[in-house]
Amino acid sequence: SVDLLTFGYGRWVCPGRFFPTVQMKGVMAHILMNYDVRAQIEGIRPPNISLWMFVIPHPRGKILLRRRHY
């Protein structure tokens, strides 16, 4: 869009602009299908951090991944 020109606009738009989104969806699908995901400390979650228009999880928040065995 005109508001965010990271990948261009109009005739000059980047043909690979959707590639990162598709890759991240694939990574998340793999993690959710093959791992049990949970918070390291149940019930306690540090607040998110807002940076301009981005919201990121607190860096001290930890998650545990345990590989599923089928």
PDB file of N, CA and C in Angstrom:
ATOM      1  N   SER A   1       0.839  -1.180   0.000  1.00  0.00           N
ATOM      2  CA  SER A   1       0.000   0.000   0.000  1.00  0.00           C
ATOM      3  C   SER A   1       0.883   1.242   0.000  1.00  0.00           C
ATOM      4  N   VAL A   2       0.287   2.360  -0.236  1.00  0.00           N
ATOM      5  CA  VAL A   2       1.016   3.622  -0.262  1.00  0.00           C
ATOM      6  C   VAL A   2       1.567   3.960   1.126  1.00  0.00           C
ATOM      7  N   ASP A   3       0.908   3.490   2.181  1.00  0.00           N
ATOM      8  CA  ASP A   3       1.339   3.796   3.548  1.00  0.00           C
ATOM      9  C   ASP A   3       2.605   3.047   3.959  1.00  0.00           C
ATOM     10  N   LEU A   4       2.833   1.877   3.400  1.00  0.00           N
ATOM     11  CA  LEU A   4       3.999   1.067   3.747  1.00  0.00           C
ATOM     12  C   LEU A   4       4.653   0.601   2.453  1.00  0.00           C
ATOM     13  N   LEU A   5       5.725   1.271   2.062  1.00  0.00           N
ATOM     14  CA  LEU A   5       6.350   1.015   0.764  1.00  0.00           C
ATOM     15  C   LEU A   5       7.528   0.052   0.836  1.00  0.00           C
ATOM     16  N   THR A   6       7.577  -0.779   1.843  1.00  0.00           N
ATOM     17  CA  THR A   6       8.685  -1.718   1.995  1.00  0.00           C
ATOM     18  C   THR A   6       8.855  -2.602   0.766  1.00  0.00           C
ATOM     19  N   PHE A   7       7.759  -3.079   0.199  1.00  0.00           N
ATOM     20  CA  PHE A   7       7.813  -3.970  -0.955  1.00  0.00           C
ATOM     21  C   PHE A   7       7.413  -3.274  -2.242  1.00  0.00           C
ATOM     22  N   GLY A   8       7.447  -1.963  -2.280  1.00  0.00           N
ATOM     23  CA  GLY A   8       7.099  -1.232  -3.489  1.00  0.00           C
ATOM     24  C   GLY A   8       5.599  -1.005  -3.592  1.00  0.00           C
ATOM     25  N   TYR A   9       5.199  -0.459  -4.751  1.00  0.00           N
ATOM     26  CA  TYR A   9       3.792  -0.132  -4.953  1.00  0.00           C
ATOM     27  C   TYR A   9       3.511  -0.052  -6.450  1.00  0.00           C
ATOM     28  N   GLY A  10       2.298  -0.435  -6.809  1.00  0.00           N
ATOM     29  CA  GLY A  10       1.875  -0.300  -8.211  1.00  0.00           C
ATOM     30  C   GLY A  10       2.689  -1.176  -9.146  1.00  0.00           C
ATOM     31  N   ARG A  11       3.194  -0.592 -10.218  1.00  0.00           N
ATOM     32  CA  ARG A  11       3.963  -1.350 -11.215  1.00  0.00           C
ATOM     33  C   ARG A  11       5.279  -1.871 -10.660  1.00  0.00           C
ATOM     34  N   TRP A  12       5.766  -1.298  -9.577  1.00  0.00           N
ATOM     35  CA  TRP A  12       7.066  -1.667  -9.033  1.00  0.00           C
ATOM     36  C   TRP A  12       6.969  -2.545  -7.795  1.00  0.00           C
ATOM     37  N   VAL A  13       5.822  -3.142  -7.577  1.00  0.00           N
ATOM     38  CA  VAL A  13       5.650  -3.979  -6.393  1.00  0.00           C
ATOM     39  C   VAL A  13       6.509  -5.243  -6.516  1.00  0.00           C
ATOM     40  N   CYS A  14       7.066  -5.677  -5.406  1.00  0.00           N
ATOM     41  CA  CYS A  14       7.952  -6.844  -5.372  1.00  0.00           C
ATOM     42  C   CYS A  14       7.148  -8.130  -5.578  1.00  0.00           C
ATOM     43  N   PRO A  15       7.536  -8.971  -6.549  1.00  0.00           N
ATOM     44  CA  PRO A  15       6.793 -10.214  -6.761  1.00  0.00           C
ATOM     45  C   PRO A  15       6.956 -11.215  -5.611  1.00  0.00           C
ATOM     46  N   GLY A  16       7.978 -11.071  -4.793  1.00  0.00           N
ATOM     47  CA  GLY A  16       8.197 -11.996  -3.686  1.00  0.00           C
ATOM     48  C   GLY A  16       7.677 -11.492  -2.356  1.00  0.00           C
ATOM     49  N   ARG A  17       6.786 -10.512  -2.370  1.00  0.00           N
ATOM     50  CA  ARG A  17       6.329  -9.892  -1.123  1.00  0.00           C
ATOM     51  C   ARG A  17       5.557 -10.840  -0.225  1.00  0.00           C
ATOM     52  N   PHE A  18       4.978 -11.903  -0.776  1.00  0.00           N
ATOM     53  CA  PHE A  18       4.214 -12.846   0.043  1.00  0.00           C
ATOM     54  C   PHE A  18       5.069 -14.022   0.515  1.00  0.00           C
ATOM     55  N   PHE A  19       6.270 -14.168  -0.015  1.00  0.00           N
ATOM     56  CA  PHE A  19       7.135 -15.297   0.317  1.00  0.00           C
ATOM     57  C   PHE A  19       7.434 -15.400   1.816  1.00  0.00           C
ATOM     58  N   PRO A  20       7.829 -14.312   2.499  1.00  0.00           N
ATOM     59  CA  PRO A  20       8.102 -14.441   3.943  1.00  0.00           C
ATOM     60  C   PRO A  20       6.882 -14.888   4.742  1.00  0.00           C
ATOM     61  N   THR A  21       5.707 -14.421   4.365  1.00  0.00           N
ATOM     62  CA  THR A  21       4.487 -14.806   5.077  1.00  0.00           C
ATOM     63  C   THR A  21       4.219 -16.295   4.917  1.00  0.00           C
ATOM     64  N   VAL A  22       4.373 -16.804   3.709  1.00  0.00           N
ATOM     65  CA  VAL A  22       4.151 -18.227   3.447  1.00  0.00           C
ATOM     66  C   VAL A  22       5.179 -19.069   4.209  1.00  0.00           C
ATOM     67  N   GLN A  23       6.427 -18.622   4.239  1.00  0.00           N
ATOM     68  CA  GLN A  23       7.470 -19.349   4.961  1.00  0.00           C
ATOM     69  C   GLN A  23       7.165 -19.409   6.458  1.00  0.00           C
ATOM     70  N   MET A  24       6.766 -18.290   7.047  1.00  0.00           N
ATOM     71  CA  MET A  24       6.464 -18.273   8.481  1.00  0.00           C
ATOM     72  C   MET A  24       5.252 -19.138   8.815  1.00  0.00           C
ATOM     73  N   LYS A  25       4.265 -19.163   7.941  1.00  0.00           N
ATOM     74  CA  LYS A  25       3.111 -20.042   8.165  1.00  0.00           C
ATOM     75  C   LYS A  25       3.547 -21.502   8.149  1.00  0.00           C
ATOM     76  N   GLY A  26       4.456 -21.849   7.250  1.00  0.00           N
ATOM     77  CA  GLY A  26       4.972 -23.215   7.190  1.00  0.00           C
ATOM     78  C   GLY A  26       5.753 -23.588   8.440  1.00  0.00           C
ATOM     79  N   VAL A  27       6.573 -22.672   8.925  1.00  0.00           N
ATOM     80  CA  VAL A  27       7.348 -22.914  10.145  1.00  0.00           C
ATOM     81  C   VAL A  27       6.413 -23.101  11.339  1.00  0.00           C
ATOM     82  N   MET A  28       5.421 -22.217  11.470  1.00  0.00           N
ATOM     83  CA  MET A  28       4.478 -22.325  12.589  1.00  0.00           C
ATOM     84  C   MET A  28       3.660 -23.611  12.512  1.00  0.00           C
ATOM     85  N   ALA A  29       3.236 -23.997  11.319  1.00  0.00           N
ATOM     86  CA  ALA A  29       2.482 -25.241  11.162  1.00  0.00           C
ATOM     87  C   ALA A  29       3.335 -26.432  11.589  1.00  0.00           C
ATOM     88  N   HIS A  30       4.603 -26.440  11.196  1.00  0.00           N
ATOM     89  CA  HIS A  30       5.512 -27.528  11.572  1.00  0.00           C
ATOM     90  C   HIS A  30       5.667 -27.602  13.094  1.00  0.00           C
ATOM     91  N   ILE A  31       5.880 -26.459  13.734  1.00  0.00           N
ATOM     92  CA  ILE A  31       6.050 -26.437  15.189  1.00  0.00           C
ATOM     93  C   ILE A  31       4.789 -26.925  15.890  1.00  0.00           C
ATOM     94  N   LEU A  32       3.631 -26.417  15.474  1.00  0.00           N
ATOM     95  CA  LEU A  32       2.386 -26.784  16.149  1.00  0.00           C
ATOM     96  C   LEU A  32       2.000 -28.242  15.925  1.00  0.00           C
ATOM     97  N   MET A  33       2.385 -28.823  14.786  1.00  0.00           N
ATOM     98  CA  MET A  33       2.055 -30.223  14.514  1.00  0.00           C
ATOM     99  C   MET A  33       3.021 -31.195  15.185  1.00  0.00           C
ATOM    100  N   ASN A  34       4.270 -30.778  15.399  1.00  0.00           N
ATOM    101  CA  ASN A  34       5.290 -31.703  15.874  1.00  0.00           C
ATOM    102  C   ASN A  34       5.776 -31.471  17.301  1.00  0.00           C
ATOM    103  N   TYR A  35       5.318 -30.406  17.946  1.00  0.00           N
ATOM    104  CA  TYR A  35       5.788 -30.089  19.290  1.00  0.00           C
ATOM    105  C   TYR A  35       4.619 -29.722  20.190  1.00  0.00           C
ATOM    106  N   ASP A  36       4.761 -30.039  21.479  1.00  0.00           N
ATOM    107  CA  ASP A  36       3.857 -29.523  22.498  1.00  0.00           C
ATOM    108  C   ASP A  36       4.456 -28.200  22.956  1.00  0.00           C
ATOM    109  N   VAL A  37       3.663 -27.145  22.924  1.00  0.00           N
ATOM    110  CA  VAL A  37       4.135 -25.803  23.258  1.00  0.00           C
ATOM    111  C   VAL A  37       3.405 -25.332  24.510  1.00  0.00           C
ATOM    112  N   ARG A  38       4.173 -24.846  25.502  1.00  0.00           N
ATOM    113  CA  ARG A  38       3.539 -24.294  26.697  1.00  0.00           C
ATOM    114  C   ARG A  38       4.466 -23.262  27.326  1.00  0.00           C
ATOM    115  N   ALA A  39       3.893 -22.440  28.195  1.00  0.00           N
ATOM    116  CA  ALA A  39       4.677 -21.440  28.916  1.00  0.00           C
ATOM    117  C   ALA A  39       5.538 -22.136  29.960  1.00  0.00           C
ATOM    118  N   GLN A  40       6.721 -21.599  30.200  1.00  0.00           N
ATOM    119  CA  GLN A  40       7.609 -22.198  31.190  1.00  0.00           C
ATOM    120  C   GLN A  40       6.998 -22.099  32.583  1.00  0.00           C
ATOM    121  N   ILE A  41       6.417 -20.971  32.914  1.00  0.00           N
ATOM    122  CA  ILE A  41       5.753 -20.791  34.204  1.00  0.00           C
ATOM    123  C   ILE A  41       4.276 -20.595  33.919  1.00  0.00           C
ATOM    124  N   GLU A  42       3.462 -21.557  34.309  1.00  0.00           N
ATOM    125  CA  GLU A  42       2.029 -21.502  34.028  1.00  0.00           C
ATOM    126  C   GLU A  42       1.374 -20.318  34.724  1.00  0.00           C
ATOM    127  N   GLY A  43       0.508 -19.629  34.015  1.00  0.00           N
ATOM    128  CA  GLY A  43      -0.291 -18.560  34.592  1.00  0.00           C
ATOM    129  C   GLY A  43       0.399 -17.215  34.717  1.00  0.00           C
ATOM    130  N   ILE A  44       1.709 -17.152  34.513  1.00  0.00           N
ATOM    131  CA  ILE A  44       2.432 -15.886  34.610  1.00  0.00           C
ATOM    132  C   ILE A  44       2.971 -15.543  33.229  1.00  0.00           C
ATOM    133  N   ARG A  45       2.576 -14.374  32.730  1.00  0.00           N
ATOM    134  CA  ARG A  45       3.029 -13.956  31.411  1.00  0.00           C
ATOM    135  C   ARG A  45       3.483 -12.510  31.492  1.00  0.00           C
ATOM    136  N   PRO A  46       4.751 -12.232  31.165  1.00  0.00           N
ATOM    137  CA  PRO A  46       5.206 -10.841  31.181  1.00  0.00           C
ATOM    138  C   PRO A  46       4.440 -10.019  30.139  1.00  0.00           C
ATOM    139  N   PRO A  47       4.265  -8.726  30.369  1.00  0.00           N
ATOM    140  CA  PRO A  47       3.524  -7.897  29.418  1.00  0.00           C
ATOM    141  C   PRO A  47       4.267  -7.751  28.092  1.00  0.00           C
ATOM    142  N   ASN A  48       3.503  -7.589  27.012  1.00  0.00           N
ATOM    143  CA  ASN A  48       4.095  -7.353  25.700  1.00  0.00           C
ATOM    144  C   ASN A  48       4.784  -5.996  25.669  1.00  0.00           C
ATOM    145  N   ILE A  49       5.671  -5.820  24.695  1.00  0.00           N
ATOM    146  CA  ILE A  49       6.372  -4.558  24.501  1.00  0.00           C
ATOM    147  C   ILE A  49       5.879  -3.943  23.198  1.00  0.00           C
ATOM    148  N   SER A  50       5.504  -2.667  23.242  1.00  0.00           N
ATOM    149  CA  SER A  50       5.048  -1.959  22.042  1.00  0.00           C
ATOM    150  C   SER A  50       6.182  -1.093  21.514  1.00  0.00           C
ATOM    151  N   LEU A  51       6.529  -1.302  20.248  1.00  0.00           N
ATOM    152  CA  LEU A  51       7.533  -0.494  19.569  1.00  0.00           C
ATOM    153  C   LEU A  51       6.901   0.089  18.314  1.00  0.00           C
ATOM    154  N   TRP A  52       6.522   1.340  18.395  1.00  0.00           N
ATOM    155  CA  TRP A  52       5.871   2.051  17.307  1.00  0.00           C
ATOM    156  C   TRP A  52       4.619   1.306  16.889  1.00  0.00           C
ATOM    157  N   MET A  53       4.597   0.660  15.721  1.00  0.00           N
ATOM    158  CA  MET A  53       3.395  -0.056  15.286  1.00  0.00           C
ATOM    159  C   MET A  53       3.517  -1.562  15.504  1.00  0.00           C
ATOM    160  N   PHE A  54       4.581  -1.993  16.149  1.00  0.00           N
ATOM    161  CA  PHE A  54       4.817  -3.411  16.367  1.00  0.00           C
ATOM    162  C   PHE A  54       4.602  -3.763  17.832  1.00  0.00           C
ATOM    163  N   VAL A  55       4.081  -4.944  18.084  1.00  0.00           N
ATOM    164  CA  VAL A  55       3.941  -5.464  19.443  1.00  0.00           C
ATOM    165  C   VAL A  55       4.711  -6.775  19.486  1.00  0.00           C
ATOM    166  N   ILE A  56       5.663  -6.862  20.399  1.00  0.00           N
ATOM    167  CA  ILE A  56       6.484  -8.068  20.496  1.00  0.00           C
ATOM    168  C   ILE A  56       6.347  -8.659  21.897  1.00  0.00           C
ATOM    169  N   PRO A  57       6.533  -9.972  22.023  1.00  0.00           N
ATOM    170  CA  PRO A  57       6.494 -10.576  23.353  1.00  0.00           C
ATOM    171  C   PRO A  57       7.689 -10.113  24.184  1.00  0.00           C
ATOM    172  N   HIS A  58       7.524 -10.118  25.473  1.00  0.00           N
ATOM    173  CA  HIS A  58       8.604  -9.722  26.380  1.00  0.00           C
ATOM    174  C   HIS A  58       9.766 -10.700  26.225  1.00  0.00           C
ATOM    175  N   PRO A  59      11.007 -10.202  26.116  1.00  0.00           N
ATOM    176  CA  PRO A  59      12.157 -11.092  25.910  1.00  0.00           C
ATOM    177  C   PRO A  59      12.409 -12.071  27.053  1.00  0.00           C
ATOM    178  N   ARG A  60      11.915 -11.778  28.250  1.00  0.00           N
ATOM    179  CA  ARG A  60      12.128 -12.688  29.375  1.00  0.00           C
ATOM    180  C   ARG A  60      11.059 -13.769  29.463  1.00  0.00           C
ATOM    181  N   GLY A  61      10.025 -13.667  28.655  1.00  0.00           N
ATOM    182  CA  GLY A  61       9.008 -14.715  28.624  1.00  0.00           C
ATOM    183  C   GLY A  61       9.574 -15.964  27.956  1.00  0.00           C
ATOM    184  N   LYS A  62       9.394 -17.093  28.548  1.00  0.00           N
ATOM    185  CA  LYS A  62       9.967 -18.347  28.035  1.00  0.00           C
ATOM    186  C   LYS A  62       8.864 -19.326  27.667  1.00  0.00           C
ATOM    187  N   ILE A  63       9.101 -20.085  26.604  1.00  0.00           N
ATOM    188  CA  ILE A  63       8.197 -21.165  26.236  1.00  0.00           C
ATOM    189  C   ILE A  63       8.985 -22.465  26.211  1.00  0.00           C
ATOM    190  N   LEU A  64       8.293 -23.545  26.423  1.00  0.00           N
ATOM    191  CA  LEU A  64       8.916 -24.865  26.382  1.00  0.00           C
ATOM    192  C   LEU A  64       8.369 -25.627  25.189  1.00  0.00           C
ATOM    193  N   LEU A  65       9.257 -26.231  24.438  1.00  0.00           N
ATOM    194  CA  LEU A  65       8.881 -27.073  23.309  1.00  0.00           C
ATOM    195  C   LEU A  65       9.284 -28.497  23.637  1.00  0.00           C
ATOM    196  N   ARG A  66       8.351 -29.419  23.502  1.00  0.00           N
ATOM    197  CA  ARG A  66       8.657 -30.835  23.708  1.00  0.00           C
ATOM    198  C   ARG A  66       8.217 -31.582  22.462  1.00  0.00           C
ATOM    199  N   ARG A  67       9.158 -32.288  21.849  1.00  0.00           N
ATOM    200  CA  ARG A  67       8.863 -33.013  20.614  1.00  0.00           C
ATOM    201  C   ARG A  67       7.834 -34.093  20.884  1.00  0.00           C
ATOM    202  N   ARG A  68       6.848 -34.164  20.015  1.00  0.00           N
ATOM    203  CA  ARG A  68       5.819 -35.204  20.131  1.00  0.00           C
ATOM    204  C   ARG A  68       6.349 -36.496  19.524  1.00  0.00           C
ATOM    205  N   HIS A  69       6.062 -37.602  20.170  1.00  0.00           N
ATOM    206  CA  HIS A  69       6.452 -38.910  19.649  1.00  0.00           C
ATOM    207  C   HIS A  69       5.174 -39.654  19.291  1.00  0.00           C
ATOM    208  N   TYR A  70       5.029 -39.947  18.035  1.00  0.00           N
ATOM    209  CA  TYR A  70       3.806 -40.614  17.558  1.00  0.00           C
ATOM    210  C   TYR A  70       3.951 -42.104  17.583  1.00  0.00           C
TER     211      TYR A  70
END
